[in-house]
PDB file of N, CA and C in Angstrom:
ATOM      1  N   MET A   1      40.739 -46.578 -15.261  1.00  0.00           N
ATOM      2  CA  MET A   1      39.669 -47.511 -15.039  1.00  0.00           C
ATOM      3  C   MET A   1      39.222 -48.063 -16.402  1.00  0.00           C
ATOM      4  N   MET A   2      39.076 -49.390 -16.496  1.00  0.00           N
ATOM      5  CA  MET A   2      38.684 -50.016 -17.742  1.00  0.00           C
ATOM      6  C   MET A   2      37.167 -49.973 -17.900  1.00  0.00           C
ATOM      7  N   LYS A   3      36.729 -49.583 -19.086  1.00  0.00           N
ATOM      8  CA  LYS A   3      35.302 -49.505 -19.367  1.00  0.00           C
ATOM      9  C   LYS A   3      34.747 -50.914 -19.601  1.00  0.00           C
ATOM     10  N   ARG A   4      33.582 -51.165 -19.059  1.00  0.00           N
ATOM     11  CA  ARG A   4      32.948 -52.477 -19.211  1.00  0.00           C
ATOM     12  C   ARG A   4      32.504 -52.671 -20.657  1.00  0.00           C
ATOM     13  N   ARG A   5      32.843 -53.823 -21.213  1.00  0.00           N
ATOM     14  CA  ARG A   5      32.458 -54.135 -22.590  1.00  0.00           C
ATOM     15  C   ARG A   5      31.063 -54.721 -22.614  1.00  0.00           C
ATOM     16  N   GLY A   6      30.274 -54.335 -23.599  1.00  0.00           N
ATOM     17  CA  GLY A   6      28.923 -54.852 -23.746  1.00  0.00           C
ATOM     18  C   GLY A   6      28.917 -56.187 -24.483  1.00  0.00           C
ATOM     19  N   TRP A   7      27.756 -56.803 -24.522  1.00  0.00           N
ATOM     20  CA  TRP A   7      27.644 -58.117 -25.155  1.00  0.00           C
ATOM     21  C   TRP A   7      27.892 -58.041 -26.653  1.00  0.00           C
ATOM     22  N   ILE A   8      27.590 -56.912 -27.285  1.00  0.00           N
ATOM     23  CA  ILE A   8      27.815 -56.784 -28.728  1.00  0.00           C
ATOM     24  C   ILE A   8      29.305 -56.891 -29.036  1.00  0.00           C
ATOM     25  N   TRP A   9      30.118 -56.299 -28.202  1.00  0.00           N
ATOM     26  CA  TRP A   9      31.567 -56.335 -28.390  1.00  0.00           C
ATOM     27  C   TRP A   9      32.084 -57.765 -28.305  1.00  0.00           C
ATOM     28  N   TRP A  10      31.683 -58.486 -27.267  1.00  0.00           N
ATOM     29  CA  TRP A  10      32.118 -59.876 -27.093  1.00  0.00           C
ATOM     30  C   TRP A  10      31.554 -60.781 -28.185  1.00  0.00           C
ATOM     31  N   TYR A  11      30.316 -60.563 -28.562  1.00  0.00           N
ATOM     32  CA  TYR A  11      29.664 -61.337 -29.613  1.00  0.00           C
ATOM     33  C   TYR A  11      30.371 -61.127 -30.956  1.00  0.00           C
ATOM     34  N   GLY A  12      30.728 -59.888 -31.244  1.00  0.00           N
ATOM     35  CA  GLY A  12      31.466 -59.586 -32.471  1.00  0.00           C
ATOM     36  C   GLY A  12      32.842 -60.222 -32.482  1.00  0.00           C
ATOM     37  N   LEU A  13      33.529 -60.188 -31.350  1.00  0.00           N
ATOM     38  CA  LEU A  13      34.836 -60.847 -31.271  1.00  0.00           C
ATOM     39  C   LEU A  13      34.699 -62.349 -31.496  1.00  0.00           C
ATOM     40  N   PHE A  14      33.687 -62.953 -30.894  1.00  0.00           N
ATOM     41  CA  PHE A  14      33.457 -64.388 -31.065  1.00  0.00           C
ATOM     42  C   PHE A  14      33.210 -64.736 -32.533  1.00  0.00           C
ATOM     43  N   LEU A  15      32.310 -63.996 -33.183  1.00  0.00           N
ATOM     44  CA  LEU A  15      31.989 -64.298 -34.579  1.00  0.00           C
ATOM     45  C   LEU A  15      33.161 -64.007 -35.512  1.00  0.00           C
ATOM     46  N   GLY A  16      33.899 -62.952 -35.251  1.00  0.00           N
ATOM     47  CA  GLY A  16      35.079 -62.657 -36.066  1.00  0.00           C
ATOM     48  C   GLY A  16      36.110 -63.765 -35.966  1.00  0.00           C
ATOM     49  N   CYS A  17      36.362 -64.232 -34.748  1.00  0.00           N
ATOM     50  CA  CYS A  17      37.312 -65.331 -34.551  1.00  0.00           C
ATOM     51  C   CYS A  17      36.792 -66.629 -35.155  1.00  0.00           C
ATOM     52  N   LEU A  18      35.488 -66.847 -35.085  1.00  0.00           N
ATOM     53  CA  LEU A  18      34.881 -68.036 -35.689  1.00  0.00           C
ATOM     54  C   LEU A  18      35.095 -68.030 -37.203  1.00  0.00           C
ATOM     55  N   LEU A  19      34.880 -66.890 -37.839  1.00  0.00           N
ATOM     56  CA  LEU A  19      35.102 -66.794 -39.278  1.00  0.00           C
ATOM     57  C   LEU A  19      36.576 -66.978 -39.634  1.00  0.00           C
ATOM     58  N   LEU A  20      37.476 -66.418 -38.827  1.00  0.00           N
ATOM     59  CA  LEU A  20      38.906 -66.596 -39.077  1.00  0.00           C
ATOM     60  C   LEU A  20      39.322 -68.060 -38.936  1.00  0.00           C
ATOM     61  N   ALA A  21      38.812 -68.737 -37.911  1.00  0.00           N
ATOM     62  CA  ALA A  21      39.139 -70.151 -37.715  1.00  0.00           C
ATOM     63  C   ALA A  21      38.596 -71.005 -38.860  1.00  0.00           C
ATOM     64  N   ALA A  22      37.362 -70.722 -39.280  1.00  0.00           N
ATOM     65  CA  ALA A  22      36.783 -71.464 -40.409  1.00  0.00           C
ATOM     66  C   ALA A  22      37.570 -71.185 -41.690  1.00  0.00           C
ATOM     67  N   GLY A  23      38.001 -69.948 -41.866  1.00  0.00           N
ATOM     68  CA  GLY A  23      38.794 -69.591 -43.039  1.00  0.00           C
ATOM     69  C   GLY A  23      40.135 -70.295 -43.053  1.00  0.00           C
ATOM     70  N   ALA A  24      40.781 -70.386 -41.898  1.00  0.00           N
ATOM     71  CA  ALA A  24      42.059 -71.097 -41.822  1.00  0.00           C
ATOM     72  C   ALA A  24      41.864 -72.577 -42.128  1.00  0.00           C
ATOM     73  N   ALA A  25      40.820 -73.177 -41.571  1.00  0.00           N
ATOM     74  CA  ALA A  25      40.552 -74.603 -41.811  1.00  0.00           C
ATOM     75  C   ALA A  25      40.232 -74.859 -43.287  1.00  0.00           C
ATOM     76  N   GLU A  26      39.411 -74.035 -43.887  1.00  0.00           N
ATOM     77  CA  GLU A  26      39.060 -74.216 -45.301  1.00  0.00           C
ATOM     78  C   GLU A  26      40.248 -73.958 -46.207  1.00  0.00           C
ATOM     79  N   THR A  27      41.084 -73.003 -45.862  1.00  0.00           N
ATOM     80  CA  THR A  27      42.279 -72.729 -46.662  1.00  0.00           C
ATOM     81  C   THR A  27      43.213 -73.926 -46.643  1.00  0.00           C
ATOM     82  N   VAL A  28      43.429 -74.501 -45.473  1.00  0.00           N
ATOM     83  CA  VAL A  28      44.278 -75.696 -45.365  1.00  0.00           C
ATOM     84  C   VAL A  28      43.674 -76.850 -46.168  1.00  0.00           C
ATOM     85  N   ARG A  29      42.358 -77.024 -46.067  1.00  0.00           N
ATOM     86  CA  ARG A  29      41.695 -78.101 -46.801  1.00  0.00           C
ATOM     87  C   ARG A  29      41.854 -77.934 -48.308  1.00  0.00           C
ATOM     88  N   VAL A  30      41.655 -76.708 -48.800  1.00  0.00           N
ATOM     89  CA  VAL A  30      41.761 -76.446 -50.235  1.00  0.00           C
ATOM     90  C   VAL A  30      43.183 -76.658 -50.724  1.00  0.00           C
ATOM     91  N   VAL A  31      44.158 -76.198 -49.963  1.00  0.00           N
ATOM     92  CA  VAL A  31      45.554 -76.344 -50.368  1.00  0.00           C
ATOM     93  C   VAL A  31      45.948 -77.819 -50.393  1.00  0.00           C
ATOM     94  N   ARG A  32      45.525 -78.586 -49.399  1.00  0.00           N
ATOM     95  CA  ARG A  32      45.867 -80.014 -49.351  1.00  0.00           C
ATOM     96  C   ARG A  32      45.161 -80.830 -50.419  1.00  0.00           C
ATOM     97  N   SER A  33      43.899 -80.523 -50.666  1.00  0.00           N
ATOM     98  CA  SER A  33      43.116 -81.334 -51.602  1.00  0.00           C
ATOM     99  C   SER A  33      43.277 -80.881 -53.050  1.00  0.00           C
ATOM    100  N   GLY A  34      43.607 -79.620 -53.260  1.00  0.00           N
ATOM    101  CA  GLY A  34      43.731 -79.099 -54.610  1.00  0.00           C
ATOM    102  C   GLY A  34      42.395 -78.907 -55.299  1.00  0.00           C
ATOM    103  N   ASP A  35      41.311 -78.848 -54.522  1.00  0.00           N
ATOM    104  CA  ASP A  35      39.964 -78.695 -55.081  1.00  0.00           C
ATOM    105  C   ASP A  35      39.747 -77.351 -55.760  1.00  0.00           C
ATOM    106  N   GLY A  36      40.486 -76.366 -55.401  1.00  0.00           N
ATOM    107  CA  GLY A  36      40.269 -75.025 -55.930  1.00  0.00           C
ATOM    108  C   GLY A  36      39.369 -74.219 -55.010  1.00  0.00           C
ATOM    109  N   GLY A  37      39.190 -73.000 -55.347  1.00  0.00           N
ATOM    110  CA  GLY A  37      38.337 -72.123 -54.541  1.00  0.00           C
ATOM    111  C   GLY A  37      39.075 -71.411 -53.436  1.00  0.00           C
ATOM    112  N   LEU A  38      40.393 -71.407 -53.512  1.00  0.00           N
ATOM    113  CA  LEU A  38      41.178 -70.765 -52.454  1.00  0.00           C
ATOM    114  C   LEU A  38      40.805 -69.298 -52.286  1.00  0.00           C
ATOM    115  N   LEU A  39      40.674 -68.597 -53.396  1.00  0.00           N
ATOM    116  CA  LEU A  39      40.342 -67.172 -53.310  1.00  0.00           C
ATOM    117  C   LEU A  39      38.978 -66.959 -52.653  1.00  0.00           C
ATOM    118  N   PHE A  40      38.001 -67.808 -52.989  1.00  0.00           N
ATOM    119  CA  PHE A  40      36.672 -67.683 -52.397  1.00  0.00           C
ATOM    120  C   PHE A  40      36.718 -67.930 -50.892  1.00  0.00           C
ATOM    121  N   TRP A  41      37.257 -69.080 -50.479  1.00  0.00           N
ATOM    122  CA  TRP A  41      37.254 -69.442 -49.061  1.00  0.00           C
ATOM    123  C   TRP A  41      38.094 -68.481 -48.230  1.00  0.00           C
ATOM    124  N   PHE A  42      39.285 -68.171 -48.713  1.00  0.00           N
ATOM    125  CA  PHE A  42      40.159 -67.267 -47.962  1.00  0.00           C
ATOM    126  C   PHE A  42      39.572 -65.859 -47.936  1.00  0.00           C
ATOM    127  N   GLY A  43      39.109 -65.393 -49.078  1.00  0.00           N
ATOM    128  CA  GLY A  43      38.597 -64.023 -49.157  1.00  0.00           C
ATOM    129  C   GLY A  43      37.355 -63.788 -48.325  1.00  0.00           C
ATOM    130  N   THR A  44      36.406 -64.730 -48.405  1.00  0.00           N
ATOM    131  CA  THR A  44      35.152 -64.507 -47.690  1.00  0.00           C
ATOM    132  C   THR A  44      35.263 -64.779 -46.200  1.00  0.00           C
ATOM    133  N   LEU A  45      35.943 -65.849 -45.835  1.00  0.00           N
ATOM    134  CA  LEU A  45      36.006 -66.198 -44.411  1.00  0.00           C
ATOM    135  C   LEU A  45      37.078 -65.418 -43.659  1.00  0.00           C
ATOM    136  N   VAL A  46      38.289 -65.416 -44.171  1.00  0.00           N
ATOM    137  CA  VAL A  46      39.364 -64.681 -43.481  1.00  0.00           C
ATOM    138  C   VAL A  46      39.163 -63.173 -43.643  1.00  0.00           C
ATOM    139  N   GLY A  47      38.826 -62.745 -44.853  1.00  0.00           N
ATOM    140  CA  GLY A  47      38.558 -61.314 -45.071  1.00  0.00           C
ATOM    141  C   GLY A  47      37.356 -60.838 -44.280  1.00  0.00           C
ATOM    142  N   GLY A  48      36.274 -61.618 -44.312  1.00  0.00           N
ATOM    143  CA  GLY A  48      35.077 -61.261 -43.553  1.00  0.00           C
ATOM    144  C   GLY A  48      35.337 -61.251 -42.055  1.00  0.00           C
ATOM    145  N   GLY A  49      36.050 -62.253 -41.566  1.00  0.00           N
ATOM    146  CA  GLY A  49      36.379 -62.310 -40.139  1.00  0.00           C
ATOM    147  C   GLY A  49      37.241 -61.140 -39.700  1.00  0.00           C
ATOM    148  N   SER A  50      38.187 -60.766 -40.549  1.00  0.00           N
ATOM    149  CA  SER A  50      39.047 -59.613 -40.234  1.00  0.00           C
ATOM    150  C   SER A  50      38.235 -58.322 -40.170  1.00  0.00           C
ATOM    151  N   LEU A  51      37.307 -58.167 -41.104  1.00  0.00           N
ATOM    152  CA  LEU A  51      36.466 -56.961 -41.094  1.00  0.00           C
ATOM    153  C   LEU A  51      35.523 -56.946 -39.895  1.00  0.00           C
ATOM    154  N   VAL A  52      34.976 -58.102 -39.533  1.00  0.00           N
ATOM    155  CA  VAL A  52      34.116 -58.169 -38.344  1.00  0.00           C
ATOM    156  C   VAL A  52      34.913 -57.790 -37.098  1.00  0.00           C
ATOM    157  N   LEU A  53      36.118 -58.319 -36.963  1.00  0.00           N
ATOM    158  CA  LEU A  53      36.953 -57.967 -35.803  1.00  0.00           C
ATOM    159  C   LEU A  53      37.300 -56.485 -35.797  1.00  0.00           C
ATOM    160  N   ALA A  54      37.717 -55.962 -36.942  1.00  0.00           N
ATOM    161  CA  ALA A  54      38.076 -54.541 -37.011  1.00  0.00           C
ATOM    162  C   ALA A  54      36.876 -53.660 -36.692  1.00  0.00           C
ATOM    163  N   GLY A  55      35.727 -53.988 -37.253  1.00  0.00           N
ATOM    164  CA  GLY A  55      34.525 -53.204 -36.988  1.00  0.00           C
ATOM    165  C   GLY A  55      34.084 -53.284 -35.543  1.00  0.00           C
ATOM    166  N   THR A  56      34.188 -54.472 -34.964  1.00  0.00           N
ATOM    167  CA  THR A  56      33.793 -54.658 -33.565  1.00  0.00           C
ATOM    168  C   THR A  56      34.712 -53.878 -32.632  1.00  0.00           C
ATOM    169  N   LEU A  57      35.995 -53.909 -32.900  1.00  0.00           N
ATOM    170  CA  LEU A  57      36.935 -53.169 -32.057  1.00  0.00           C
ATOM    171  C   LEU A  57      36.775 -51.663 -32.224  1.00  0.00           C
ATOM    172  N   LEU A  58      36.333 -51.231 -33.398  1.00  0.00           N
ATOM    173  CA  LEU A  58      36.150 -49.811 -33.670  1.00  0.00           C
ATOM    174  C   LEU A  58      34.802 -49.294 -33.162  1.00  0.00           C
ATOM    175  N   LEU A  59      33.833 -50.184 -33.013  1.00  0.00           N
ATOM    176  CA  LEU A  59      32.451 -49.801 -32.683  1.00  0.00           C
ATOM    177  C   LEU A  59      32.317 -48.913 -31.437  1.00  0.00           C
ATOM    178  N   PRO A  60      32.994 -49.199 -30.317  1.00  0.00           N
ATOM    179  CA  PRO A  60      32.803 -48.338 -29.136  1.00  0.00           C
ATOM    180  C   PRO A  60      33.290 -46.892 -29.340  1.00  0.00           C
ATOM    181  N   ARG A  61      34.361 -46.696 -30.114  1.00  0.00           N
ATOM    182  CA  ARG A  61      34.910 -45.348 -30.289  1.00  0.00           C
ATOM    183  C   ARG A  61      34.344 -44.623 -31.499  1.00  0.00           C
ATOM    184  N   ARG A  62      34.144 -45.345 -32.592  1.00  0.00           N
ATOM    185  CA  ARG A  62      33.625 -44.763 -33.841  1.00  0.00           C
ATOM    186  C   ARG A  62      32.513 -45.665 -34.351  1.00  0.00           C
ATOM    187  N   PRO A  63      31.298 -45.472 -33.825  1.00  0.00           N
ATOM    188  CA  PRO A  63      30.206 -46.402 -34.098  1.00  0.00           C
ATOM    189  C   PRO A  63      29.826 -46.560 -35.567  1.00  0.00           C
ATOM    190  N   ARG A  64      29.774 -45.476 -36.307  1.00  0.00           N
ATOM    191  CA  ARG A  64      29.329 -45.603 -37.696  1.00  0.00           C
ATOM    192  C   ARG A  64      30.333 -46.343 -38.579  1.00  0.00           C
ATOM    193  N   PRO A  65      31.610 -45.972 -38.586  1.00  0.00           N
ATOM    194  CA  PRO A  65      32.572 -46.759 -39.370  1.00  0.00           C
ATOM    195  C   PRO A  65      32.685 -48.205 -38.864  1.00  0.00           C
ATOM    196  N   GLY A  66      32.571 -48.389 -37.553  1.00  0.00           N
ATOM    197  CA  GLY A  66      32.602 -49.745 -37.007  1.00  0.00           C
ATOM    198  C   GLY A  66      31.441 -50.575 -37.512  1.00  0.00           C
ATOM    199  N   PHE A  67      30.266 -49.958 -37.585  1.00  0.00           N
ATOM    200  CA  PHE A  67      29.087 -50.642 -38.111  1.00  0.00           C
ATOM    201  C   PHE A  67      29.268 -51.017 -39.579  1.00  0.00           C
ATOM    202  N   VAL A  68      29.814 -50.103 -40.364  1.00  0.00           N
ATOM    203  CA  VAL A  68      30.017 -50.369 -41.794  1.00  0.00           C
ATOM    204  C   VAL A  68      30.982 -51.539 -41.987  1.00  0.00           C
ATOM    205  N   LEU A  69      32.105 -51.529 -41.284  1.00  0.00           N
ATOM    206  CA  LEU A  69      33.068 -52.631 -41.406  1.00  0.00           C
ATOM    207  C   LEU A  69      32.461 -53.955 -40.939  1.00  0.00           C
ATOM    208  N   THR A  70      31.739 -53.915 -39.836  1.00  0.00           N
ATOM    209  CA  THR A  70      31.101 -55.123 -39.321  1.00  0.00           C
ATOM    210  C   THR A  70      30.090 -55.668 -40.321  1.00  0.00           C
ATOM    211  N   THR A  71      29.301 -54.800 -40.913  1.00  0.00           N
ATOM    212  CA  THR A  71      28.289 -55.220 -41.877  1.00  0.00           C
ATOM    213  C   THR A  71      28.921 -55.843 -43.119  1.00  0.00           C
ATOM    214  N   ILE A  72      29.967 -55.231 -43.639  1.00  0.00           N
ATOM    215  CA  ILE A  72      30.642 -55.776 -44.822  1.00  0.00           C
ATOM    216  C   ILE A  72      31.248 -57.145 -44.497  1.00  0.00           C
ATOM    217  N   GLY A  73      31.871 -57.260 -43.321  1.00  0.00           N
ATOM    218  CA  GLY A  73      32.453 -58.540 -42.913  1.00  0.00           C
ATOM    219  C   GLY A  73      31.401 -59.623 -42.736  1.00  0.00           C
ATOM    220  N   CYS A  74      30.277 -59.257 -42.126  1.00  0.00           N
ATOM    221  CA  CYS A  74      29.185 -60.234 -41.951  1.00  0.00           C
ATOM    222  C   CYS A  74      28.612 -60.653 -43.291  1.00  0.00           C
ATOM    223  N   ALA A  75      28.441 -59.699 -44.195  1.00  0.00           N
ATOM    224  CA  ALA A  75      27.912 -60.018 -45.523  1.00  0.00           C
ATOM    225  C   ALA A  75      28.857 -60.959 -46.264  1.00  0.00           C
ATOM    226  N   ALA A  76      30.156 -60.749 -46.114  1.00  0.00           N
ATOM    227  CA  ALA A  76      31.131 -61.628 -46.761  1.00  0.00           C
ATOM    228  C   ALA A  76      31.061 -63.044 -46.188  1.00  0.00           C
ATOM    229  N   GLY A  77      30.790 -63.154 -44.900  1.00  0.00           N
ATOM    230  CA  GLY A  77      30.747 -64.461 -44.254  1.00  0.00           C
ATOM    231  C   GLY A  77      29.428 -65.203 -44.391  1.00  0.00           C
ATOM    232  N   LEU A  78      28.399 -64.556 -44.919  1.00  0.00           N
ATOM    233  CA  LEU A  78      27.085 -65.204 -45.027  1.00  0.00           C
ATOM    234  C   LEU A  78      27.083 -66.392 -45.982  1.00  0.00           C
ATOM    235  N   LEU A  79      27.580 -66.212 -47.185  1.00  0.00           N
ATOM    236  CA  LEU A  79      27.511 -67.268 -48.194  1.00  0.00           C
ATOM    237  C   LEU A  79      28.321 -68.515 -47.824  1.00  0.00           C
ATOM    238  N   PRO A  80      29.584 -68.382 -47.431  1.00  0.00           N
ATOM    239  CA  PRO A  80      30.337 -69.609 -47.147  1.00  0.00           C
ATOM    240  C   PRO A  80      29.873 -70.345 -45.887  1.00  0.00           C
ATOM    241  N   THR A  81      29.130 -69.690 -45.033  1.00  0.00           N
ATOM    242  CA  THR A  81      28.653 -70.366 -43.819  1.00  0.00           C
ATOM    243  C   THR A  81      27.177 -70.732 -43.907  1.00  0.00           C
ATOM    244  N   SER A  82      26.569 -70.522 -45.062  1.00  0.00           N
ATOM    245  CA  SER A  82      25.125 -70.735 -45.179  1.00  0.00           C
ATOM    246  C   SER A  82      24.705 -72.181 -44.919  1.00  0.00           C
ATOM    247  N   TRP A  83      25.586 -73.132 -45.145  1.00  0.00           N
ATOM    248  CA  TRP A  83      25.246 -74.539 -44.904  1.00  0.00           C
ATOM    249  C   TRP A  83      25.028 -74.828 -43.420  1.00  0.00           C
ATOM    250  N   THR A  84      25.540 -73.998 -42.551  1.00  0.00           N
ATOM    251  CA  THR A  84      25.388 -74.237 -41.115  1.00  0.00           C
ATOM    252  C   THR A  84      24.048 -73.727 -40.589  1.00  0.00           C
ATOM    253  N   VAL A  85      23.397 -72.871 -41.308  1.00  0.00           N
ATOM    254  CA  VAL A  85      22.123 -72.233 -40.983  1.00  0.00           C
ATOM    255  C   VAL A  85      22.238 -71.306 -39.765  1.00  0.00           C
ATOM    256  N   ILE A  86      22.836 -71.746 -38.690  1.00  0.00           N
ATOM    257  CA  ILE A  86      22.885 -70.944 -37.462  1.00  0.00           C
ATOM    258  C   ILE A  86      23.884 -69.784 -37.562  1.00  0.00           C
ATOM    259  N   VAL A  87      25.026 -69.984 -38.212  1.00  0.00           N
ATOM    260  CA  VAL A  87      26.031 -68.919 -38.289  1.00  0.00           C
ATOM    261  C   VAL A  87      25.506 -67.711 -39.075  1.00  0.00           C
ATOM    262  N   PRO A  88      24.841 -67.904 -40.228  1.00  0.00           N
ATOM    263  CA  PRO A  88      24.286 -66.724 -40.892  1.00  0.00           C
ATOM    264  C   PRO A  88      23.263 -65.976 -40.035  1.00  0.00           C
ATOM    265  N   VAL A  89      22.480 -66.701 -39.277  1.00  0.00           N
ATOM    266  CA  VAL A  89      21.521 -66.045 -38.372  1.00  0.00           C
ATOM    267  C   VAL A  89      22.279 -65.237 -37.321  1.00  0.00           C
ATOM    268  N   MET A  90      23.343 -65.808 -36.787  1.00  0.00           N
ATOM    269  CA  MET A  90      24.159 -65.099 -35.799  1.00  0.00           C
ATOM    270  C   MET A  90      24.793 -63.847 -36.418  1.00  0.00           C
ATOM    271  N   LEU A  91      25.226 -63.940 -37.671  1.00  0.00           N
ATOM    272  CA  LEU A  91      25.813 -62.780 -38.350  1.00  0.00           C
ATOM    273  C   LEU A  91      24.777 -61.675 -38.562  1.00  0.00           C
ATOM    274  N   VAL A  92      23.564 -62.056 -38.922  1.00  0.00           N
ATOM    275  CA  VAL A  92      22.497 -61.067 -39.100  1.00  0.00           C
ATOM    276  C   VAL A  92      22.161 -60.393 -37.763  1.00  0.00           C
ATOM    277  N   VAL A  93      22.160 -61.172 -36.683  1.00  0.00           N
ATOM    278  CA  VAL A  93      21.923 -60.595 -35.351  1.00  0.00           C
ATOM    279  C   VAL A  93      23.008 -59.569 -35.028  1.00  0.00           C
ATOM    280  N   LEU A  94      24.261 -59.870 -35.376  1.00  0.00           N
ATOM    281  CA  LEU A  94      25.347 -58.918 -35.124  1.00  0.00           C
ATOM    282  C   LEU A  94      25.161 -57.644 -35.953  1.00  0.00           C
ATOM    283  N   ILE A  95      24.740 -57.780 -37.200  1.00  0.00           N
ATOM    284  CA  ILE A  95      24.495 -56.601 -38.035  1.00  0.00           C
ATOM    285  C   ILE A  95      23.425 -55.719 -37.393  1.00  0.00           C
ATOM    286  N   ILE A  96      22.327 -56.323 -36.982  1.00  0.00           N
ATOM    287  CA  ILE A  96      21.221 -55.562 -36.381  1.00  0.00           C
ATOM    288  C   ILE A  96      21.656 -54.910 -35.068  1.00  0.00           C
ATOM    289  N   ALA A  97      22.335 -55.674 -34.215  1.00  0.00           N
ATOM    290  CA  ALA A  97      22.744 -55.138 -32.908  1.00  0.00           C
ATOM    291  C   ALA A  97      23.754 -54.008 -33.057  1.00  0.00           C
ATOM    292  N   SER A  98      24.750 -54.175 -33.946  1.00  0.00           N
ATOM    293  CA  SER A  98      25.738 -53.108 -34.112  1.00  0.00           C
ATOM    294  C   SER A  98      25.117 -51.895 -34.809  1.00  0.00           C
ATOM    295  N   GLY A  99      24.146 -52.129 -35.685  1.00  0.00           N
ATOM    296  CA  GLY A  99      23.433 -51.011 -36.310  1.00  0.00           C
ATOM    297  C   GLY A  99      22.634 -50.206 -35.304  1.00  0.00           C
ATOM    298  N   ARG A 100      21.982 -50.901 -34.394  1.00  0.00           N
ATOM    299  CA  ARG A 100      21.225 -50.199 -33.341  1.00  0.00           C
ATOM    300  C   ARG A 100      22.161 -49.412 -32.433  1.00  0.00           C
ATOM    301  N   ARG A 101      23.320 -50.004 -32.144  1.00  0.00           N
ATOM    302  CA  ARG A 101      24.286 -49.299 -31.298  1.00  0.00           C
ATOM    303  C   ARG A 101      24.830 -48.059 -32.003  1.00  0.00           C
ATOM    304  N   ALA A 102      25.108 -48.190 -33.291  1.00  0.00           N
ATOM    305  CA  ALA A 102      25.620 -47.046 -34.049  1.00  0.00           C
ATOM    306  C   ALA A 102      24.559 -45.947 -34.149  1.00  0.00           C
ATOM    307  N   ALA A 103      23.306 -46.351 -34.316  1.00  0.00           N
ATOM    308  CA  ALA A 103      22.223 -45.360 -34.417  1.00  0.00           C
ATOM    309  C   ALA A 103      21.983 -44.651 -33.088  1.00  0.00           C
ATOM    310  N   ALA A 104      22.226 -45.331 -31.993  1.00  0.00           N
ATOM    311  CA  ALA A 104      22.003 -44.737 -30.672  1.00  0.00           C
ATOM    312  C   ALA A 104      23.164 -43.861 -30.214  1.00  0.00           C
ATOM    313  N   ALA A 105      24.292 -43.953 -30.907  1.00  0.00           N
ATOM    314  CA  ALA A 105      25.461 -43.163 -30.509  1.00  0.00           C
ATOM    315  C   ALA A 105      25.217 -41.690 -30.799  1.00  0.00           C
ATOM    316  N   PRO A 106      25.682 -40.824 -29.921  1.00  0.00           N
ATOM    317  CA  PRO A 106      25.502 -39.391 -30.164  1.00  0.00           C
ATOM    318  C   PRO A 106      26.302 -38.953 -31.385  1.00  0.00           C
ATOM    319  N   VAL A 107      25.713 -38.021 -32.133  1.00  0.00           N
ATOM    320  CA  VAL A 107      26.387 -37.481 -33.305  1.00  0.00           C
ATOM    321  C   VAL A 107      27.522 -36.594 -32.830  1.00  0.00           C
ATOM    322  N   GLU A 108      28.695 -36.809 -33.434  1.00  0.00           N
ATOM    323  CA  GLU A 108      29.854 -36.008 -33.036  1.00  0.00           C
ATOM    324  C   GLU A 108      29.660 -34.573 -33.509  1.00  0.00           C
ATOM    325  N   SER A 109      29.749 -33.659 -32.581  1.00  0.00           N
ATOM    326  CA  SER A 109      29.608 -32.252 -32.965  1.00  0.00           C
ATOM    327  C   SER A 109      30.962 -31.731 -33.406  1.00  0.00           C
ATOM    328  N   ARG A 110      30.929 -31.014 -34.484  1.00  0.00           N
ATOM    329  CA  ARG A 110      32.184 -30.480 -35.034  1.00  0.00           C
ATOM    330  C   ARG A 110      32.126 -28.963 -34.975  1.00  0.00           C
ATOM    331  N   VAL A 111      32.349 -28.465 -33.783  1.00  0.00           N
ATOM    332  CA  VAL A 111      32.337 -27.020 -33.582  1.00  0.00           C
ATOM    333  C   VAL A 111      33.775 -26.529 -33.648  1.00  0.00           C
ATOM    334  N   ARG A 112      33.978 -25.561 -34.510  1.00  0.00           N
ATOM    335  CA  ARG A 112      35.328 -25.005 -34.628  1.00  0.00           C
ATOM    336  C   ARG A 112      35.444 -23.760 -33.760  1.00  0.00           C
ATOM    337  N   SER A 113      36.498 -23.740 -33.021  1.00  0.00           N
ATOM    338  CA  SER A 113      36.731 -22.533 -32.224  1.00  0.00           C
ATOM    339  C   SER A 113      37.667 -21.627 -33.001  1.00  0.00           C
ATOM    340  N   GLY A 114      37.429 -20.461 -32.933  1.00  0.00           N
ATOM    341  CA  GLY A 114      38.379 -19.652 -33.647  1.00  0.00           C
ATOM    342  C   GLY A 114      37.984 -18.307 -33.839  1.00  0.00           C
TER     343      GLY A 114
END
């Protein structure tokens, strides 16, 4: 039986894909125009989007590492998307929501039998 995904999971996938798409578009633009900044645009948008996706996919099984990856990815995507105003707000909402989910997750007990 497949477990129902929450809105945080879908929201994280959406934002991760949005950052990847923006990173691909900016990378193509930089390469065609020769303006420079390839490392900045590719690193922050594609790298940030990849971390958001990885963290979001990890969040249901390993909430704390998933939260850390999601937060780093969102932080990377804040600066290059700041001109849109709405995307940074959406990224901050994802950080808060995934942080609350990670905090609400039960602490894994490490009892050794033996």
